Amino acid sequence: MNSLIECIDLHKYYGHDDIQVTALDDINMDIKEGEFVALMGPSGSGKSTLLHIIAGIDRPSKGICKVAGIDIATLSENDLAQWRNQYVGFIFQTFNLLPVLTAFENVELPLLLTKLTAREREEHVKTALDLVELSDRADHYPRQLSGGQEQRVAIARAIVTDPSLILADEPTGDLDAHSAEEVMKVLTLLNQSMKKTIVMVTHDPRSAKYASVVHHLDKGFLVP
């Protein structure tokens, strides 16, 4: 398999002058196309920082992070936004659905930045909602959905542009055990049947067991 993500001598520091916190320390990591990778470790270990650098949300202090051969830190903010919308789907712990929009309208949001027609957008949204088994909830608002259903709507929104890379930051962190299992089954389907590469930050060993590769971080270091 080809490498999709390459982290080379990656460092991330926060702070100024003599007050400096190291979030990532000399990270070297290679993630192949089609892998389902879990990043585990205690709070403050650098998991989310690493995920944000891979997504282009944050930039490394030193070192290189390449995604599909592109050093994303060299992209302008405009190019980065376009790249992210085309290649990356992001799933957050807190769902981030807009309460005034239906499930359908929330999933459609990323497509409004594309040149697709209204009919094409509708087809994409229906396909995404069908994949997460929520076609019958398309007209429901977030307040009418359970937490697990809200997260599945968020997953549909993340995949509606057909990205090659899905990044998930504690996707089951706010869910009960049953809802968490439903979400992880959807992510497994996307990985195994749709061949999506997934990188997931999690504290939960039950969620991590769905991954094909598990990396552990501690105090900014990648540990064996």
N, C-alpha and C. Protein backbone atom coordinates (compact mmCIF):
# COMPACT_ATOMS: atom_id res chain seq x y z
N MET A 1 0.84 -1.20 0.00
CA MET A 1 0.00 0.00 0.00
C MET A 1 0.87 1.25 0.00
N ASN A 2 0.39 2.29 -0.67
CA ASN A 2 1.09 3.55 -0.72
C ASN A 2 0.87 4.34 0.57
N SER A 3 1.86 5.17 0.91
CA SER A 3 1.71 6.05 2.07
C SER A 3 0.77 7.19 1.73
N LEU A 4 -0.16 7.46 2.63
CA LEU A 4 -1.04 8.62 2.45
C LEU A 4 -0.59 9.77 3.34
N ILE A 5 -0.12 9.44 4.55
CA ILE A 5 0.33 10.47 5.49
C ILE A 5 1.75 10.15 5.94
N GLU A 6 2.64 11.13 5.84
CA GLU A 6 4.01 10.97 6.29
C GLU A 6 4.35 12.12 7.24
N CYS A 7 4.63 11.78 8.48
CA CYS A 7 5.10 12.76 9.46
C CYS A 7 6.59 12.53 9.66
N ILE A 8 7.38 13.57 9.42
CA ILE A 8 8.83 13.44 9.45
C ILE A 8 9.41 14.46 10.42
N ASP A 9 10.03 13.94 11.52
CA ASP A 9 10.67 14.80 12.53
C ASP A 9 9.74 15.95 12.95
N LEU A 10 8.51 15.61 13.25
CA LEU A 10 7.48 16.61 13.52
C LEU A 10 7.56 17.11 14.95
N HIS A 11 7.59 18.43 15.12
CA HIS A 11 7.57 19.07 16.44
C HIS A 11 6.49 20.14 16.46
N LYS A 12 5.88 20.32 17.63
CA LYS A 12 4.94 21.43 17.82
C LYS A 12 5.14 22.01 19.20
N TYR A 13 5.41 23.34 19.23
CA TYR A 13 5.60 24.05 20.48
C TYR A 13 4.53 25.13 20.61
N TYR A 14 4.13 25.38 21.84
CA TYR A 14 3.23 26.50 22.14
C TYR A 14 3.90 27.40 23.17
N GLY A 15 3.58 28.68 23.12
CA GLY A 15 4.14 29.62 24.07
C GLY A 15 5.18 30.52 23.43
N HIS A 16 5.82 31.34 24.24
CA HIS A 16 6.79 32.31 23.75
C HIS A 16 8.00 32.35 24.67
N ASP A 17 9.13 32.64 24.07
CA ASP A 17 10.39 32.86 24.81
C ASP A 17 10.68 31.74 25.81
N ASP A 18 10.77 32.10 27.11
CA ASP A 18 11.18 31.10 28.09
C ASP A 18 10.01 30.26 28.60
N ILE A 19 8.78 30.60 28.19
CA ILE A 19 7.62 29.80 28.57
C ILE A 19 7.14 29.05 27.33
N GLN A 20 7.55 27.81 27.24
CA GLN A 20 7.26 27.04 26.03
C GLN A 20 6.83 25.62 26.41
N VAL A 21 5.74 25.19 25.82
CA VAL A 21 5.22 23.85 26.06
C VAL A 21 5.39 23.03 24.79
N THR A 22 5.93 21.83 24.94
CA THR A 22 6.11 20.94 23.79
C THR A 22 4.90 20.03 23.68
N ALA A 23 4.15 20.19 22.59
CA ALA A 23 2.97 19.35 22.36
C ALA A 23 3.32 18.09 21.59
N LEU A 24 4.26 18.21 20.65
CA LEU A 24 4.73 17.05 19.88
C LEU A 24 6.25 17.11 19.80
N ASP A 25 6.89 15.96 19.99
CA ASP A 25 8.35 15.92 20.06
C ASP A 25 8.88 14.84 19.13
N ASP A 26 9.38 15.25 17.96
CA ASP A 26 10.07 14.36 17.03
C ASP A 26 9.19 13.16 16.62
N ILE A 27 8.01 13.47 16.09
CA ILE A 27 7.09 12.42 15.65
C ILE A 27 7.44 11.97 14.25
N ASN A 28 7.64 10.67 14.09
CA ASN A 28 7.83 10.06 12.78
C ASN A 28 6.78 8.97 12.62
N MET A 29 5.91 9.15 11.63
CA MET A 29 4.78 8.23 11.47
C MET A 29 4.43 8.10 10.00
N ASP A 30 4.10 6.90 9.61
CA ASP A 30 3.72 6.62 8.22
C ASP A 30 2.37 5.90 8.23
N ILE A 31 1.38 6.50 7.59
CA ILE A 31 0.04 5.91 7.53
C ILE A 31 -0.28 5.56 6.09
N LYS A 32 -0.62 4.31 5.85
CA LYS A 32 -0.87 3.83 4.50
C LYS A 32 -2.31 4.10 4.06
N GLU A 33 -2.50 4.15 2.77
CA GLU A 33 -3.84 4.27 2.22
C GLU A 33 -4.69 3.09 2.68
N GLY A 34 -5.89 3.37 3.14
CA GLY A 34 -6.82 2.31 3.54
C GLY A 34 -6.68 1.83 4.96
N GLU A 35 -5.73 2.37 5.72
CA GLU A 35 -5.58 1.97 7.12
C GLU A 35 -6.62 2.67 8.00
N PHE A 36 -6.94 2.03 9.10
CA PHE A 36 -7.79 2.61 10.15
C PHE A 36 -6.88 2.73 11.37
N VAL A 37 -6.45 3.94 11.67
CA VAL A 37 -5.45 4.19 12.70
C VAL A 37 -6.09 4.86 13.91
N ALA A 38 -5.82 4.34 15.10
CA ALA A 38 -6.25 4.97 16.34
C ALA A 38 -5.04 5.60 17.02
N LEU A 39 -5.20 6.85 17.45
CA LEU A 39 -4.19 7.54 18.24
C LEU A 39 -4.68 7.57 19.68
N MET A 40 -3.93 6.94 20.58
CA MET A 40 -4.34 6.85 21.98
C MET A 40 -3.30 7.50 22.88
N GLY A 41 -3.74 7.82 24.09
CA GLY A 41 -2.84 8.42 25.07
C GLY A 41 -3.61 9.27 26.03
N PRO A 42 -3.01 9.63 27.17
CA PRO A 42 -3.69 10.45 28.17
C PRO A 42 -3.94 11.87 27.66
N SER A 43 -4.77 12.61 28.37
CA SER A 43 -5.00 14.01 28.03
C SER A 43 -3.69 14.77 28.04
N GLY A 44 -3.50 15.63 27.05
CA GLY A 44 -2.27 16.40 26.96
C GLY A 44 -1.11 15.67 26.31
N SER A 45 -1.38 14.48 25.73
CA SER A 45 -0.30 13.70 25.13
C SER A 45 0.04 14.16 23.72
N GLY A 46 -0.81 14.99 23.11
CA GLY A 46 -0.53 15.49 21.76
C GLY A 46 -1.38 14.87 20.67
N LYS A 47 -2.33 14.03 21.04
CA LYS A 47 -3.14 13.32 20.03
C LYS A 47 -3.91 14.28 19.13
N SER A 48 -4.65 15.18 19.75
CA SER A 48 -5.47 16.10 18.96
C SER A 48 -4.60 17.09 18.19
N THR A 49 -3.48 17.48 18.77
CA THR A 49 -2.55 18.37 18.06
C THR A 49 -2.06 17.71 16.78
N LEU A 50 -1.69 16.43 16.86
CA LEU A 50 -1.23 15.70 15.69
C LEU A 50 -2.34 15.61 14.65
N LEU A 51 -3.57 15.33 15.10
CA LEU A 51 -4.70 15.24 14.18
C LEU A 51 -4.94 16.57 13.48
N HIS A 52 -4.83 17.66 14.23
CA HIS A 52 -5.06 18.99 13.66
C HIS A 52 -3.98 19.37 12.65
N ILE A 53 -2.76 18.92 12.87
CA ILE A 53 -1.69 19.17 11.90
C ILE A 53 -1.95 18.39 10.62
N ILE A 54 -2.37 17.13 10.76
CA ILE A 54 -2.70 16.32 9.58
C ILE A 54 -3.83 16.96 8.78
N ALA A 55 -4.78 17.58 9.50
CA ALA A 55 -5.94 18.21 8.84
C ALA A 55 -5.60 19.59 8.28
N GLY A 56 -4.43 20.11 8.61
CA GLY A 56 -4.08 21.46 8.17
C GLY A 56 -4.74 22.54 9.01
N ILE A 57 -5.34 22.16 10.14
CA ILE A 57 -5.94 23.14 11.05
C ILE A 57 -4.84 23.85 11.85
N ASP A 58 -3.77 23.13 12.13
CA ASP A 58 -2.61 23.68 12.83
C ASP A 58 -1.37 23.40 11.99
N ARG A 59 -0.31 24.12 12.26
CA ARG A 59 0.94 23.95 11.49
C ARG A 59 2.07 23.52 12.44
N PRO A 60 2.97 22.67 11.96
CA PRO A 60 4.07 22.23 12.82
C PRO A 60 5.07 23.36 13.07
N SER A 61 5.73 23.30 14.22
CA SER A 61 6.82 24.25 14.51
C SER A 61 8.08 23.86 13.76
N LYS A 62 8.31 22.56 13.65
CA LYS A 62 9.44 22.00 12.90
C LYS A 62 8.99 20.70 12.27
N GLY A 63 9.71 20.29 11.22
CA GLY A 63 9.40 19.02 10.58
C GLY A 63 8.35 19.16 9.48
N ILE A 64 7.98 18.03 8.92
CA ILE A 64 7.11 18.00 7.75
C ILE A 64 5.95 17.04 7.97
N CYS A 65 4.78 17.44 7.53
CA CYS A 65 3.63 16.54 7.46
C CYS A 65 3.11 16.55 6.03
N LYS A 66 3.27 15.43 5.35
CA LYS A 66 2.80 15.31 3.97
C LYS A 66 1.53 14.46 3.94
N VAL A 67 0.56 14.93 3.20
CA VAL A 67 -0.66 14.17 2.96
C VAL A 67 -0.81 14.02 1.45
N ALA A 68 -0.83 12.77 0.99
CA ALA A 68 -0.86 12.47 -0.45
C ALA A 68 0.27 13.19 -1.17
N GLY A 69 1.43 13.24 -0.52
CA GLY A 69 2.62 13.82 -1.14
C GLY A 69 2.73 15.32 -1.05
N ILE A 70 1.73 15.98 -0.46
CA ILE A 70 1.72 17.44 -0.36
C ILE A 70 2.13 17.87 1.04
N ASP A 71 3.14 18.73 1.13
CA ASP A 71 3.50 19.33 2.41
C ASP A 71 2.47 20.42 2.70
N ILE A 72 1.45 20.08 3.50
CA ILE A 72 0.30 20.97 3.63
C ILE A 72 0.63 22.28 4.34
N ALA A 73 1.73 22.32 5.09
CA ALA A 73 2.11 23.56 5.77
C ALA A 73 2.55 24.63 4.78
N THR A 74 2.87 24.24 3.55
CA THR A 74 3.31 25.20 2.53
C THR A 74 2.14 25.81 1.76
N LEU A 75 0.92 25.32 1.99
CA LEU A 75 -0.24 25.84 1.27
C LEU A 75 -0.71 27.15 1.88
N SER A 76 -1.22 28.04 1.03
CA SER A 76 -1.84 29.26 1.53
C SER A 76 -3.15 28.90 2.22
N GLU A 77 -3.69 29.82 3.00
CA GLU A 77 -4.94 29.55 3.71
C GLU A 77 -6.07 29.23 2.74
N ASN A 78 -6.12 29.92 1.61
CA ASN A 78 -7.16 29.67 0.62
C ASN A 78 -7.00 28.30 -0.02
N ASP A 79 -5.76 27.97 -0.41
CA ASP A 79 -5.50 26.65 -1.01
C ASP A 79 -5.74 25.54 0.01
N LEU A 80 -5.39 25.81 1.26
CA LEU A 80 -5.58 24.83 2.33
C LEU A 80 -7.05 24.54 2.54
N ALA A 81 -7.88 25.58 2.54
CA ALA A 81 -9.32 25.40 2.72
C ALA A 81 -9.90 24.58 1.57
N GLN A 82 -9.47 24.85 0.35
CA GLN A 82 -9.95 24.09 -0.80
C GLN A 82 -9.48 22.65 -0.72
N TRP A 83 -8.22 22.45 -0.34
CA TRP A 83 -7.67 21.09 -0.22
C TRP A 83 -8.43 20.31 0.84
N ARG A 84 -8.68 20.95 1.98
CA ARG A 84 -9.36 20.27 3.08
C ARG A 84 -10.79 19.89 2.68
N ASN A 85 -11.47 20.78 2.00
CA ASN A 85 -12.85 20.50 1.61
C ASN A 85 -12.93 19.36 0.60
N GLN A 86 -11.87 19.21 -0.20
CA GLN A 86 -11.87 18.18 -1.24
C GLN A 86 -11.40 16.82 -0.73
N TYR A 87 -10.42 16.81 0.17
CA TYR A 87 -9.76 15.55 0.52
C TYR A 87 -10.00 15.06 1.94
N VAL A 88 -10.49 15.93 2.85
CA VAL A 88 -10.56 15.57 4.26
C VAL A 88 -11.99 15.71 4.78
N GLY A 89 -12.45 14.68 5.50
CA GLY A 89 -13.69 14.77 6.25
C GLY A 89 -13.36 14.75 7.73
N PHE A 90 -13.89 15.70 8.49
CA PHE A 90 -13.54 15.82 9.91
C PHE A 90 -14.76 15.55 10.77
N ILE A 91 -14.58 14.67 11.77
CA ILE A 91 -15.66 14.33 12.70
C ILE A 91 -15.22 14.77 14.10
N PHE A 92 -16.06 15.58 14.76
CA PHE A 92 -15.73 16.13 16.07
C PHE A 92 -16.49 15.39 17.17
N GLN A 93 -16.01 15.53 18.39
CA GLN A 93 -16.67 14.90 19.53
C GLN A 93 -18.05 15.51 19.77
N THR A 94 -18.18 16.81 19.53
CA THR A 94 -19.41 17.52 19.90
C THR A 94 -20.37 17.71 18.73
N PHE A 95 -20.20 16.94 17.67
CA PHE A 95 -21.12 16.89 16.52
C PHE A 95 -21.07 18.15 15.66
N ASN A 96 -21.18 19.34 16.29
CA ASN A 96 -21.14 20.62 15.57
C ASN A 96 -22.20 20.74 14.48
N LEU A 97 -23.39 20.22 14.75
CA LEU A 97 -24.50 20.41 13.83
C LEU A 97 -25.17 21.76 14.10
N LEU A 98 -25.67 22.40 13.05
CA LEU A 98 -26.38 23.66 13.22
C LEU A 98 -27.83 23.35 13.61
N PRO A 99 -28.28 23.83 14.77
CA PRO A 99 -29.61 23.44 15.27
C PRO A 99 -30.77 23.92 14.42
N VAL A 100 -30.56 24.98 13.62
CA VAL A 100 -31.66 25.52 12.80
C VAL A 100 -31.78 24.82 11.45
N LEU A 101 -30.88 23.88 11.18
CA LEU A 101 -30.91 23.14 9.92
C LEU A 101 -31.32 21.69 10.16
N THR A 102 -32.00 21.10 9.18
CA THR A 102 -32.36 19.69 9.25
C THR A 102 -31.11 18.83 9.06
N ALA A 103 -31.26 17.53 9.28
CA ALA A 103 -30.15 16.61 9.03
C ALA A 103 -29.69 16.74 7.58
N PHE A 104 -30.65 16.78 6.65
CA PHE A 104 -30.31 16.92 5.23
C PHE A 104 -29.49 18.19 4.99
N GLU A 105 -29.96 19.31 5.55
CA GLU A 105 -29.29 20.60 5.31
C GLU A 105 -27.91 20.65 5.96
N ASN A 106 -27.76 20.02 7.13
CA ASN A 106 -26.44 19.95 7.77
C ASN A 106 -25.46 19.17 6.92
N VAL A 107 -25.91 18.05 6.37
CA VAL A 107 -25.03 17.22 5.54
C VAL A 107 -24.67 17.94 4.24
N GLU A 108 -25.59 18.74 3.74
CA GLU A 108 -25.39 19.43 2.46
C GLU A 108 -24.37 20.56 2.56
N LEU A 109 -24.13 21.08 3.75
CA LEU A 109 -23.31 22.29 3.92
C LEU A 109 -21.97 22.26 3.15
N PRO A 110 -21.14 21.20 3.27
CA PRO A 110 -19.87 21.23 2.55
C PRO A 110 -20.03 21.30 1.03
N LEU A 111 -21.15 20.81 0.53
CA LEU A 111 -21.37 20.80 -0.92
C LEU A 111 -21.71 22.18 -1.46
N LEU A 112 -22.11 23.09 -0.58
CA LEU A 112 -22.42 24.45 -1.03
C LEU A 112 -21.17 25.19 -1.51
N LEU A 113 -20.00 24.64 -1.15
CA LEU A 113 -18.73 25.23 -1.58
C LEU A 113 -18.25 24.64 -2.90
N THR A 114 -19.02 23.72 -3.47
CA THR A 114 -18.65 23.08 -4.73
C THR A 114 -19.49 23.64 -5.87
N LYS A 115 -19.23 23.15 -7.07
CA LYS A 115 -19.96 23.59 -8.26
C LYS A 115 -21.09 22.64 -8.62
N LEU A 116 -21.46 21.74 -7.70
CA LEU A 116 -22.53 20.80 -7.97
C LEU A 116 -23.87 21.51 -8.08
N THR A 117 -24.74 20.98 -8.92
CA THR A 117 -26.09 21.52 -9.02
C THR A 117 -26.90 21.08 -7.81
N ALA A 118 -28.07 21.69 -7.64
CA ALA A 118 -28.94 21.32 -6.52
C ALA A 118 -29.33 19.85 -6.60
N ARG A 119 -29.61 19.36 -7.80
CA ARG A 119 -29.97 17.95 -7.96
C ARG A 119 -28.79 17.05 -7.59
N GLU A 120 -27.59 17.41 -8.02
CA GLU A 120 -26.40 16.61 -7.70
C GLU A 120 -26.13 16.63 -6.19
N ARG A 121 -26.31 17.79 -5.56
CA ARG A 121 -26.13 17.88 -4.11
C ARG A 121 -27.13 16.97 -3.40
N GLU A 122 -28.36 16.97 -3.87
CA GLU A 122 -29.39 16.12 -3.26
C GLU A 122 -29.02 14.64 -3.35
N GLU A 123 -28.49 14.23 -4.49
CA GLU A 123 -28.10 12.83 -4.67
C GLU A 123 -26.97 12.47 -3.72
N HIS A 124 -25.99 13.36 -3.59
CA HIS A 124 -24.86 13.11 -2.69
C HIS A 124 -25.33 13.00 -1.24
N VAL A 125 -26.21 13.91 -0.83
CA VAL A 125 -26.69 13.90 0.55
C VAL A 125 -27.48 12.64 0.84
N LYS A 126 -28.34 12.25 -0.08
CA LYS A 126 -29.13 11.03 0.12
C LYS A 126 -28.23 9.81 0.23
N THR A 127 -27.19 9.75 -0.59
CA THR A 127 -26.24 8.63 -0.52
C THR A 127 -25.54 8.59 0.83
N ALA A 128 -25.10 9.76 1.32
CA ALA A 128 -24.38 9.83 2.60
C ALA A 128 -25.29 9.43 3.76
N LEU A 129 -26.53 9.94 3.76
CA LEU A 129 -27.46 9.59 4.84
C LEU A 129 -27.83 8.11 4.79
N ASP A 130 -27.91 7.57 3.59
CA ASP A 130 -28.21 6.14 3.46
C ASP A 130 -27.07 5.30 4.03
N LEU A 131 -25.83 5.72 3.81
CA LEU A 131 -24.68 4.98 4.32
C LEU A 131 -24.67 4.91 5.84
N VAL A 132 -25.17 5.96 6.49
CA VAL A 132 -25.20 5.96 7.96
C VAL A 132 -26.57 5.55 8.50
N GLU A 133 -27.41 5.04 7.59
CA GLU A 133 -28.73 4.50 7.93
C GLU A 133 -29.63 5.52 8.61
N LEU A 134 -29.66 6.73 8.03
CA LEU A 134 -30.52 7.79 8.57
C LEU A 134 -31.35 8.47 7.48
N SER A 135 -31.63 7.75 6.42
CA SER A 135 -32.45 8.33 5.35
C SER A 135 -33.81 8.78 5.86
N ASP A 136 -34.34 8.06 6.84
CA ASP A 136 -35.66 8.37 7.37
C ASP A 136 -35.63 9.53 8.36
N ARG A 137 -34.46 10.10 8.62
CA ARG A 137 -34.34 11.23 9.55
C ARG A 137 -33.89 12.51 8.82
N ALA A 138 -33.95 12.51 7.50
CA ALA A 138 -33.43 13.63 6.71
C ALA A 138 -34.07 14.96 7.08
N ASP A 139 -35.36 14.94 7.41
CA ASP A 139 -36.09 16.18 7.70
C ASP A 139 -36.13 16.52 9.18
N HIS A 140 -35.44 15.75 9.99
CA HIS A 140 -35.42 16.00 11.43
C HIS A 140 -34.33 17.02 11.78
N TYR A 141 -34.61 17.80 12.82
CA TYR A 141 -33.62 18.75 13.35
C TYR A 141 -32.78 18.05 14.43
N PRO A 142 -31.57 18.56 14.70
CA PRO A 142 -30.72 17.91 15.71
C PRO A 142 -31.41 17.65 17.04
N ARG A 143 -32.29 18.57 17.48
CA ARG A 143 -32.97 18.38 18.77
C ARG A 143 -33.92 17.18 18.75
N GLN A 144 -34.26 16.70 17.55
CA GLN A 144 -35.17 15.57 17.40
C GLN A 144 -34.42 14.25 17.26
N LEU A 145 -33.10 14.30 17.37
CA LEU A 145 -32.26 13.12 17.19
C LEU A 145 -31.57 12.74 18.49
N SER A 146 -31.25 11.46 18.63
CA SER A 146 -30.43 11.02 19.76
C SER A 146 -28.98 11.43 19.52
N GLY A 147 -28.16 11.32 20.56
CA GLY A 147 -26.75 11.66 20.41
C GLY A 147 -26.06 10.83 19.34
N GLY A 148 -26.37 9.52 19.33
CA GLY A 148 -25.77 8.65 18.32
C GLY A 148 -26.21 9.01 16.92
N GLN A 149 -27.48 9.39 16.76
CA GLN A 149 -27.97 9.80 15.45
C GLN A 149 -27.33 11.12 15.02
N GLU A 150 -27.15 12.04 15.97
CA GLU A 150 -26.48 13.30 15.64
C GLU A 150 -25.05 13.04 15.13
N GLN A 151 -24.35 12.12 15.80
CA GLN A 151 -22.99 11.84 15.36
C GLN A 151 -22.97 11.16 14.00
N ARG A 152 -23.97 10.34 13.72
CA ARG A 152 -24.03 9.72 12.40
C ARG A 152 -24.35 10.75 11.31
N VAL A 153 -25.16 11.76 11.65
CA VAL A 153 -25.37 12.87 10.71
C VAL A 153 -24.05 13.59 10.47
N ALA A 154 -23.27 13.79 11.54
CA ALA A 154 -21.97 14.45 11.41
C ALA A 154 -21.03 13.62 10.54
N ILE A 155 -21.11 12.30 10.64
CA ILE A 155 -20.29 11.43 9.78
C ILE A 155 -20.75 11.58 8.33
N ALA A 156 -22.06 11.61 8.11
CA ALA A 156 -22.58 11.79 6.75
C ALA A 156 -22.07 13.11 6.16
N ARG A 157 -22.06 14.16 6.98
CA ARG A 157 -21.54 15.45 6.52
C ARG A 157 -20.06 15.35 6.17
N ALA A 158 -19.32 14.57 6.95
CA ALA A 158 -17.88 14.43 6.71
C ALA A 158 -17.57 13.66 5.43
N ILE A 159 -18.46 12.76 5.03
CA ILE A 159 -18.17 11.91 3.86
C ILE A 159 -18.90 12.36 2.60
N VAL A 160 -19.74 13.40 2.70
CA VAL A 160 -20.59 13.75 1.56
C VAL A 160 -19.79 14.24 0.35
N THR A 161 -18.58 14.77 0.59
CA THR A 161 -17.74 15.20 -0.53
C THR A 161 -16.85 14.07 -1.05
N ASP A 162 -17.04 12.87 -0.51
CA ASP A 162 -16.25 11.69 -0.88
C ASP A 162 -14.75 11.90 -0.66
N PRO A 163 -14.36 12.30 0.57
CA PRO A 163 -12.94 12.51 0.85
C PRO A 163 -12.19 11.19 0.93
N SER A 164 -10.89 11.24 0.67
CA SER A 164 -10.08 10.03 0.78
C SER A 164 -9.63 9.79 2.22
N LEU A 165 -9.67 10.85 3.05
CA LEU A 165 -9.17 10.78 4.42
C LEU A 165 -10.25 11.27 5.39
N ILE A 166 -10.53 10.46 6.41
CA ILE A 166 -11.48 10.85 7.45
C ILE A 166 -10.71 10.97 8.77
N LEU A 167 -10.82 12.13 9.40
CA LEU A 167 -10.17 12.39 10.68
C LEU A 167 -11.24 12.53 11.74
N ALA A 168 -11.13 11.78 12.82
CA ALA A 168 -12.15 11.76 13.86
C ALA A 168 -11.51 12.04 15.22
N ASP A 169 -11.98 13.08 15.89
CA ASP A 169 -11.43 13.48 17.19
C ASP A 169 -12.42 13.09 18.28
N GLU A 170 -12.14 11.99 18.98
CA GLU A 170 -12.99 11.45 20.03
C GLU A 170 -14.45 11.32 19.56
N PRO A 171 -14.70 10.60 18.46
CA PRO A 171 -16.05 10.57 17.89
C PRO A 171 -17.09 9.91 18.77
N THR A 172 -16.66 9.13 19.77
CA THR A 172 -17.62 8.48 20.67
C THR A 172 -17.57 9.05 22.08
N GLY A 173 -16.84 10.15 22.26
CA GLY A 173 -16.59 10.68 23.60
C GLY A 173 -17.83 11.12 24.35
N ASP A 174 -18.88 11.57 23.62
CA ASP A 174 -20.10 12.05 24.27
C ASP A 174 -21.25 11.05 24.16
N LEU A 175 -20.95 9.79 23.82
CA LEU A 175 -22.01 8.82 23.54
C LEU A 175 -22.04 7.70 24.58
N ASP A 176 -23.24 7.12 24.75
CA ASP A 176 -23.34 5.92 25.58
C ASP A 176 -22.76 4.73 24.81
N ALA A 177 -22.62 3.61 25.48
CA ALA A 177 -21.93 2.46 24.90
C ALA A 177 -22.62 1.97 23.62
N HIS A 178 -23.95 1.92 23.62
CA HIS A 178 -24.68 1.42 22.44
C HIS A 178 -24.50 2.36 21.25
N SER A 179 -24.65 3.66 21.48
CA SER A 179 -24.48 4.64 20.40
C SER A 179 -23.04 4.65 19.89
N ALA A 180 -22.09 4.51 20.82
CA ALA A 180 -20.68 4.48 20.42
C ALA A 180 -20.41 3.29 19.50
N GLU A 181 -20.99 2.15 19.82
CA GLU A 181 -20.80 0.97 18.98
C GLU A 181 -21.40 1.18 17.60
N GLU A 182 -22.56 1.84 17.52
CA GLU A 182 -23.18 2.12 16.22
C GLU A 182 -22.26 3.00 15.37
N VAL A 183 -21.71 4.03 16.00
CA VAL A 183 -20.81 4.95 15.28
C VAL A 183 -19.57 4.21 14.80
N MET A 184 -18.99 3.36 15.65
CA MET A 184 -17.78 2.65 15.26
C MET A 184 -18.06 1.66 14.13
N LYS A 185 -19.23 1.08 14.10
CA LYS A 185 -19.60 0.18 13.01
C LYS A 185 -19.69 0.94 11.69
N VAL A 186 -20.21 2.17 11.74
CA VAL A 186 -20.27 3.00 10.53
C VAL A 186 -18.85 3.32 10.05
N LEU A 187 -17.96 3.70 10.97
CA LEU A 187 -16.58 4.00 10.58
C LEU A 187 -15.88 2.77 10.00
N THR A 188 -16.15 1.62 10.58
CA THR A 188 -15.57 0.37 10.06
C THR A 188 -16.07 0.08 8.66
N LEU A 189 -17.37 0.32 8.42
CA LEU A 189 -17.93 0.15 7.08
C LEU A 189 -17.24 1.07 6.08
N LEU A 190 -17.06 2.32 6.47
CA LEU A 190 -16.41 3.28 5.58
C LEU A 190 -14.98 2.85 5.25
N ASN A 191 -14.30 2.29 6.24
CA ASN A 191 -12.93 1.84 6.05
C ASN A 191 -12.85 0.58 5.19
N GLN A 192 -13.65 -0.40 5.52
CA GLN A 192 -13.53 -1.70 4.87
C GLN A 192 -14.24 -1.77 3.52
N SER A 193 -15.42 -1.17 3.43
CA SER A 193 -16.19 -1.25 2.19
C SER A 193 -15.93 -0.09 1.24
N MET A 194 -15.72 1.11 1.81
CA MET A 194 -15.51 2.30 0.99
C MET A 194 -14.04 2.64 0.82
N LYS A 195 -13.17 1.87 1.52
CA LYS A 195 -11.72 2.03 1.41
C LYS A 195 -11.23 3.41 1.86
N LYS A 196 -11.93 4.02 2.82
CA LYS A 196 -11.50 5.30 3.35
C LYS A 196 -10.38 5.11 4.37
N THR A 197 -9.38 5.96 4.32
CA THR A 197 -8.35 5.98 5.35
C THR A 197 -8.89 6.78 6.53
N ILE A 198 -8.79 6.22 7.73
CA ILE A 198 -9.34 6.86 8.92
C ILE A 198 -8.25 7.01 9.97
N VAL A 199 -8.14 8.21 10.53
CA VAL A 199 -7.27 8.45 11.68
C VAL A 199 -8.16 8.98 12.79
N MET A 200 -8.18 8.27 13.90
CA MET A 200 -9.11 8.56 14.99
C MET A 200 -8.37 8.75 16.30
N VAL A 201 -8.62 9.86 16.97
CA VAL A 201 -8.16 10.08 18.33
C VAL A 201 -9.21 9.51 19.29
N THR A 202 -8.77 8.71 20.26
CA THR A 202 -9.72 8.16 21.23
C THR A 202 -9.03 7.84 22.55
N HIS A 203 -9.80 7.96 23.64
CA HIS A 203 -9.35 7.48 24.95
C HIS A 203 -9.87 6.06 25.20
N ASP A 204 -10.84 5.65 24.40
CA ASP A 204 -11.64 4.47 24.69
C ASP A 204 -11.05 3.21 24.04
N PRO A 205 -10.58 2.24 24.84
CA PRO A 205 -10.05 1.00 24.26
C PRO A 205 -11.09 0.24 23.44
N ARG A 206 -12.37 0.38 23.81
CA ARG A 206 -13.43 -0.32 23.06
C ARG A 206 -13.54 0.24 21.65
N SER A 207 -13.33 1.54 21.48
CA SER A 207 -13.34 2.13 20.14
C SER A 207 -12.05 1.80 19.39
N ALA A 208 -10.93 1.81 20.11
CA ALA A 208 -9.64 1.55 19.47
C ALA A 208 -9.55 0.15 18.89
N LYS A 209 -10.32 -0.80 19.44
CA LYS A 209 -10.23 -2.18 18.95
C LYS A 209 -10.73 -2.31 17.52
N TYR A 210 -11.49 -1.33 17.03
CA TYR A 210 -11.97 -1.35 15.65
C TYR A 210 -10.87 -0.97 14.66
N ALA A 211 -9.81 -0.33 15.15
CA ALA A 211 -8.73 0.13 14.28
C ALA A 211 -7.81 -1.02 13.89
N SER A 212 -7.18 -0.90 12.74
CA SER A 212 -6.21 -1.90 12.30
C SER A 212 -4.81 -1.60 12.82
N VAL A 213 -4.56 -0.33 13.18
CA VAL A 213 -3.26 0.09 13.71
C VAL A 213 -3.52 1.03 14.89
N VAL A 214 -2.80 0.84 15.99
CA VAL A 214 -2.94 1.71 17.16
C VAL A 214 -1.57 2.31 17.49
N HIS A 215 -1.53 3.65 17.58
CA HIS A 215 -0.33 4.35 18.01
C HIS A 215 -0.60 5.01 19.37
N HIS A 216 0.39 4.98 20.23
CA HIS A 216 0.25 5.59 21.56
C HIS A 216 1.17 6.79 21.68
N LEU A 217 0.62 7.88 22.20
CA LEU A 217 1.41 9.07 22.47
C LEU A 217 1.41 9.34 23.97
N ASP A 218 2.53 9.91 24.45
CA ASP A 218 2.63 10.28 25.85
C ASP A 218 3.57 11.48 25.95
N LYS A 219 3.04 12.58 26.46
CA LYS A 219 3.81 13.82 26.65
C LYS A 219 4.49 14.26 25.35
N GLY A 220 3.78 14.10 24.23
CA GLY A 220 4.30 14.56 22.96
C GLY A 220 5.14 13.55 22.21
N PHE A 221 5.45 12.43 22.83
CA PHE A 221 6.28 11.41 22.20
C PHE A 221 5.42 10.28 21.67
N LEU A 222 5.83 9.69 20.57
CA LEU A 222 5.24 8.45 20.07
C LEU A 222 5.96 7.30 20.77
N VAL A 223 5.20 6.51 21.51
CA VAL A 223 5.82 5.44 22.31
C VAL A 223 5.51 4.08 21.70
N PRO A 224 6.42 3.10 21.90
CA PRO A 224 6.21 1.76 21.34
C PRO A 224 4.97 1.09 21.92
